[in-house]
Amino acid sequence: MAWIEKQTAPNGSRLAKALTYTKNQKSYMLTYLEDGHCSLSNNLSENAIRPLTVGRRNWLFCDTTDGADASMMVYSLLETARANGLNPLKYLEYLLAARPNADMSDEELENLAPWSVTVQEQCINKALE
């Protein structure tokens, strides 16, 4: 950082903008030197949001509000399954076989939730074990 502090560049130049940006980010960059747990790569973060960014592109093709709502529900189901360590395809197959409906009691619906013991046994993602 000492080297950057000594540098000068003509006002308005690309180098001046780069130096100003770097100086303004000093406190954030020093975090990497102070904490060895910080990763220099943001690949894990980017991979975590990839399904949403792909989905965002697909959502452009939802012609109706009902279609967008249906897509949102399916994405929510799959991401909730994934967040609970389930294989999303197995969980979706499990739900389609169980055919949840509005006539089911809260207890019956709770038994279909991704955190349910029965669902965990049937749909666990073997890759995570």
C-alpha atoms as a PDB file:
ATOM      1  CA  MET A   1       0.000   0.000   0.000  1.00  0.00           C
ATOM      2  CA  ALA A   2       2.911   2.351   0.645  1.00  0.00           C
ATOM      3  CA  TRP A   3       3.840   2.185  -3.041  1.00  0.00           C
ATOM      4  CA  ILE A   4       0.310   3.131  -4.122  1.00  0.00           C
ATOM      5  CA  GLU A   5       0.207   6.077  -1.711  1.00  0.00           C
ATOM      6  CA  LYS A   6       3.330   7.553  -3.392  1.00  0.00           C
ATOM      7  CA  GLN A   7       1.995   7.259  -6.932  1.00  0.00           C
ATOM      8  CA  THR A   8       0.604  10.232  -8.831  1.00  0.00           C
ATOM      9  CA  ALA A   9      -1.140  10.430 -12.153  1.00  0.00           C
ATOM     10  CA  PRO A  10      -2.686  13.192 -14.270  1.00  0.00           C
ATOM     11  CA  ASN A  11      -6.190  14.115 -13.077  1.00  0.00           C
ATOM     12  CA  GLY A  12      -8.930  12.337 -14.976  1.00  0.00           C
ATOM     13  CA  SER A  13      -6.622   9.679 -16.391  1.00  0.00           C
ATOM     14  CA  ARG A  14      -7.447   5.992 -16.144  1.00  0.00           C
ATOM     15  CA  LEU A  15      -4.435   5.498 -13.886  1.00  0.00           C
ATOM     16  CA  ALA A  16      -5.661   8.265 -11.558  1.00  0.00           C
ATOM     17  CA  LYS A  17      -9.072   6.589 -11.356  1.00  0.00           C
ATOM     18  CA  ALA A  18      -7.457   3.209 -10.643  1.00  0.00           C
ATOM     19  CA  LEU A  19      -5.259   4.703  -7.908  1.00  0.00           C
ATOM     20  CA  THR A  20      -8.216   6.485  -6.309  1.00  0.00           C
ATOM     21  CA  TYR A  21     -10.260   3.283  -6.368  1.00  0.00           C
ATOM     22  CA  THR A  22      -7.413   1.313  -4.818  1.00  0.00           C
ATOM     23  CA  LYS A  23      -6.870   3.889  -2.080  1.00  0.00           C
ATOM     24  CA  ASN A  24     -10.602   3.901  -1.283  1.00  0.00           C
ATOM     25  CA  GLN A  25     -10.590   0.089  -1.002  1.00  0.00           C
ATOM     26  CA  LYS A  26      -7.576  -0.005   1.333  1.00  0.00           C
ATOM     27  CA  SER A  27      -9.494  -1.049   4.473  1.00  0.00           C
ATOM     28  CA  TYR A  28     -11.184  -3.918   2.617  1.00  0.00           C
ATOM     29  CA  MET A  29      -7.965  -5.161   1.046  1.00  0.00           C
ATOM     30  CA  LEU A  30      -6.159  -5.123   4.385  1.00  0.00           C
ATOM     31  CA  THR A  31      -8.745  -7.549   5.746  1.00  0.00           C
ATOM     32  CA  TYR A  32      -7.082 -10.271   3.691  1.00  0.00           C
ATOM     33  CA  LEU A  33      -3.790  -9.580   5.430  1.00  0.00           C
ATOM     34  CA  GLU A  34      -5.340  -9.428   8.907  1.00  0.00           C
ATOM     35  CA  ASP A  35      -7.516 -12.553   8.696  1.00  0.00           C
ATOM     36  CA  GLY A  36      -6.151 -15.727   7.165  1.00  0.00           C
ATOM     37  CA  HIS A  37      -9.659 -17.181   6.904  1.00  0.00           C
ATOM     38  CA  CYS A  38     -10.608 -14.747   4.149  1.00  0.00           C
ATOM     39  CA  SER A  39     -10.581 -16.254   0.698  1.00  0.00           C
ATOM     40  CA  LEU A  40      -9.122 -14.312  -2.195  1.00  0.00           C
ATOM     41  CA  SER A  41     -11.604 -16.020  -4.491  1.00  0.00           C
ATOM     42  CA  ASN A  42     -15.335 -15.429  -4.579  1.00  0.00           C
ATOM     43  CA  ASN A  43     -16.029 -18.640  -6.544  1.00  0.00           C
ATOM     44  CA  LEU A  44     -18.087 -20.177  -3.705  1.00  0.00           C
ATOM     45  CA  SER A  45     -20.334 -17.109  -3.586  1.00  0.00           C
ATOM     46  CA  GLU A  46     -20.716 -16.979  -7.338  1.00  0.00           C
ATOM     47  CA  ASN A  47     -21.555 -20.688  -7.548  1.00  0.00           C
ATOM     48  CA  ALA A  48     -24.171 -20.273  -4.811  1.00  0.00           C
ATOM     49  CA  ILE A  49     -26.062 -17.591  -6.751  1.00  0.00           C
ATOM     50  CA  ARG A  50     -25.639 -19.179 -10.199  1.00  0.00           C
ATOM     51  CA  PRO A  51     -29.099 -20.872 -10.137  1.00  0.00           C
ATOM     52  CA  LEU A  52     -30.707 -17.508  -9.441  1.00  0.00           C
ATOM     53  CA  THR A  53     -28.856 -15.757 -12.234  1.00  0.00           C
ATOM     54  CA  VAL A  54     -29.758 -18.519 -14.695  1.00  0.00           C
ATOM     55  CA  GLY A  55     -33.335 -18.378 -13.425  1.00  0.00           C
ATOM     56  CA  ARG A  56     -33.434 -14.610 -13.873  1.00  0.00           C
ATOM     57  CA  ARG A  57     -32.728 -15.107 -17.557  1.00  0.00           C
ATOM     58  CA  ASN A  58     -35.423 -17.790 -17.815  1.00  0.00           C
ATOM     59  CA  TRP A  59     -37.955 -15.598 -16.009  1.00  0.00           C
ATOM     60  CA  LEU A  60     -37.893 -13.215 -18.959  1.00  0.00           C
ATOM     61  CA  PHE A  61     -39.941 -15.826 -20.798  1.00  0.00           C
ATOM     62  CA  CYS A  62     -42.771 -16.047 -18.246  1.00  0.00           C
ATOM     63  CA  ASP A  63     -45.651 -14.697 -20.293  1.00  0.00           C
ATOM     64  CA  THR A  64     -48.080 -14.292 -17.411  1.00  0.00           C
ATOM     65  CA  THR A  65     -48.071 -13.530 -13.714  1.00  0.00           C
ATOM     66  CA  ASP A  66     -49.391 -17.045 -13.078  1.00  0.00           C
ATOM     67  CA  GLY A  67     -46.475 -18.519 -15.025  1.00  0.00           C
ATOM     68  CA  ALA A  68     -43.998 -16.433 -13.044  1.00  0.00           C
ATOM     69  CA  ASP A  69     -45.652 -17.509  -9.781  1.00  0.00           C
ATOM     70  CA  ALA A  70     -45.456 -21.173 -10.801  1.00  0.00           C
ATOM     71  CA  SER A  71     -41.751 -20.809 -11.671  1.00  0.00           C
ATOM     72  CA  MET A  72     -41.104 -19.092  -8.362  1.00  0.00           C
ATOM     73  CA  MET A  73     -42.758 -21.939  -6.468  1.00  0.00           C
ATOM     74  CA  VAL A  74     -40.746 -24.621  -8.259  1.00  0.00           C
ATOM     75  CA  TYR A  75     -37.456 -22.728  -7.778  1.00  0.00           C
ATOM     76  CA  SER A  76     -38.296 -22.205  -4.102  1.00  0.00           C
ATOM     77  CA  LEU A  77     -39.045 -25.909  -3.623  1.00  0.00           C
ATOM     78  CA  LEU A  78     -35.825 -26.977  -5.300  1.00  0.00           C
ATOM     79  CA  GLU A  79     -33.608 -24.463  -3.489  1.00  0.00           C
ATOM     80  CA  THR A  80     -35.214 -25.291  -0.115  1.00  0.00           C
ATOM     81  CA  ALA A  81     -34.570 -28.980  -0.783  1.00  0.00           C
ATOM     82  CA  ARG A  82     -30.967 -28.224  -1.671  1.00  0.00           C
ATOM     83  CA  ALA A  83     -30.534 -26.047   1.446  1.00  0.00           C
ATOM     84  CA  ASN A  84     -31.754 -28.982   3.576  1.00  0.00           C
ATOM     85  CA  GLY A  85     -29.283 -31.435   2.038  1.00  0.00           C
ATOM     86  CA  LEU A  86     -31.825 -33.195  -0.159  1.00  0.00           C
ATOM     87  CA  ASN A  87     -31.501 -34.321  -3.735  1.00  0.00           C
ATOM     88  CA  PRO A  88     -33.874 -31.822  -5.426  1.00  0.00           C
ATOM     89  CA  LEU A  89     -35.024 -34.308  -8.091  1.00  0.00           C
ATOM     90  CA  LYS A  90     -35.802 -37.002  -5.508  1.00  0.00           C
ATOM     91  CA  TYR A  91     -37.675 -34.446  -3.387  1.00  0.00           C
ATOM     92  CA  LEU A  92     -39.734 -33.265  -6.349  1.00  0.00           C
ATOM     93  CA  GLU A  93     -40.564 -36.892  -7.237  1.00  0.00           C
ATOM     94  CA  TYR A  94     -41.492 -37.516  -3.589  1.00  0.00           C
ATOM     95  CA  LEU A  95     -43.855 -34.521  -3.558  1.00  0.00           C
ATOM     96  CA  LEU A  96     -45.458 -35.487  -6.852  1.00  0.00           C
ATOM     97  CA  ALA A  97     -46.083 -39.000  -5.525  1.00  0.00           C
ATOM     98  CA  ALA A  98     -47.559 -37.623  -2.270  1.00  0.00           C
ATOM     99  CA  ARG A  99     -49.714 -35.081  -4.130  1.00  0.00           C
ATOM    100  CA  PRO A 100     -50.094 -32.432  -1.435  1.00  0.00           C
ATOM    101  CA  ASN A 101     -53.367 -30.528  -1.603  1.00  0.00           C
ATOM    102  CA  ALA A 102     -55.417 -27.932   0.227  1.00  0.00           C
ATOM    103  CA  ASP A 103     -57.468 -30.638   2.002  1.00  0.00           C
ATOM    104  CA  MET A 104     -54.417 -31.922   3.914  1.00  0.00           C
ATOM    105  CA  SER A 105     -53.990 -31.010   7.558  1.00  0.00           C
ATOM    106  CA  ASP A 106     -51.084 -28.866   8.715  1.00  0.00           C
ATOM    107  CA  GLU A 107     -49.527 -31.990  10.247  1.00  0.00           C
ATOM    108  CA  GLU A 108     -49.727 -33.879   6.944  1.00  0.00           C
ATOM    109  CA  LEU A 109     -48.168 -30.960   5.094  1.00  0.00           C
ATOM    110  CA  GLU A 110     -45.444 -30.636   7.756  1.00  0.00           C
ATOM    111  CA  ASN A 111     -44.556 -34.290   7.087  1.00  0.00           C
ATOM    112  CA  LEU A 112     -43.833 -33.321   3.461  1.00  0.00           C
ATOM    113  CA  ALA A 113     -41.495 -30.468   4.425  1.00  0.00           C
ATOM    114  CA  PRO A 114     -37.808 -30.909   3.522  1.00  0.00           C
ATOM    115  CA  TRP A 115     -36.805 -31.011   7.202  1.00  0.00           C
ATOM    116  CA  SER A 116     -39.204 -33.882   7.959  1.00  0.00           C
ATOM    117  CA  VAL A 117     -37.428 -37.052   9.156  1.00  0.00           C
ATOM    118  CA  THR A 118     -39.284 -39.184   6.605  1.00  0.00           C
ATOM    119  CA  VAL A 119     -38.396 -36.856   3.743  1.00  0.00           C
ATOM    120  CA  GLN A 120     -34.776 -36.717   4.905  1.00  0.00           C
ATOM    121  CA  GLU A 121     -34.592 -40.531   4.843  1.00  0.00           C
ATOM    122  CA  GLN A 122     -36.165 -40.789   1.382  1.00  0.00           C
ATOM    123  CA  CYS A 123     -34.517 -37.868  -0.397  1.00  0.00           C
ATOM    124  CA  ILE A 124     -31.121 -37.296   1.212  1.00  0.00           C
ATOM    125  CA  ASN A 125     -28.450 -36.181  -1.230  1.00  0.00           C
ATOM    126  CA  LYS A 126     -25.922 -39.040  -1.188  1.00  0.00           C
ATOM    127  CA  ALA A 127     -23.222 -36.727  -2.568  1.00  0.00           C
ATOM    128  CA  LEU A 128     -23.267 -34.752   0.690  1.00  0.00           C
ATOM    129  CA  GLU A 129     -22.762 -37.774   2.946  1.00  0.00           C
END
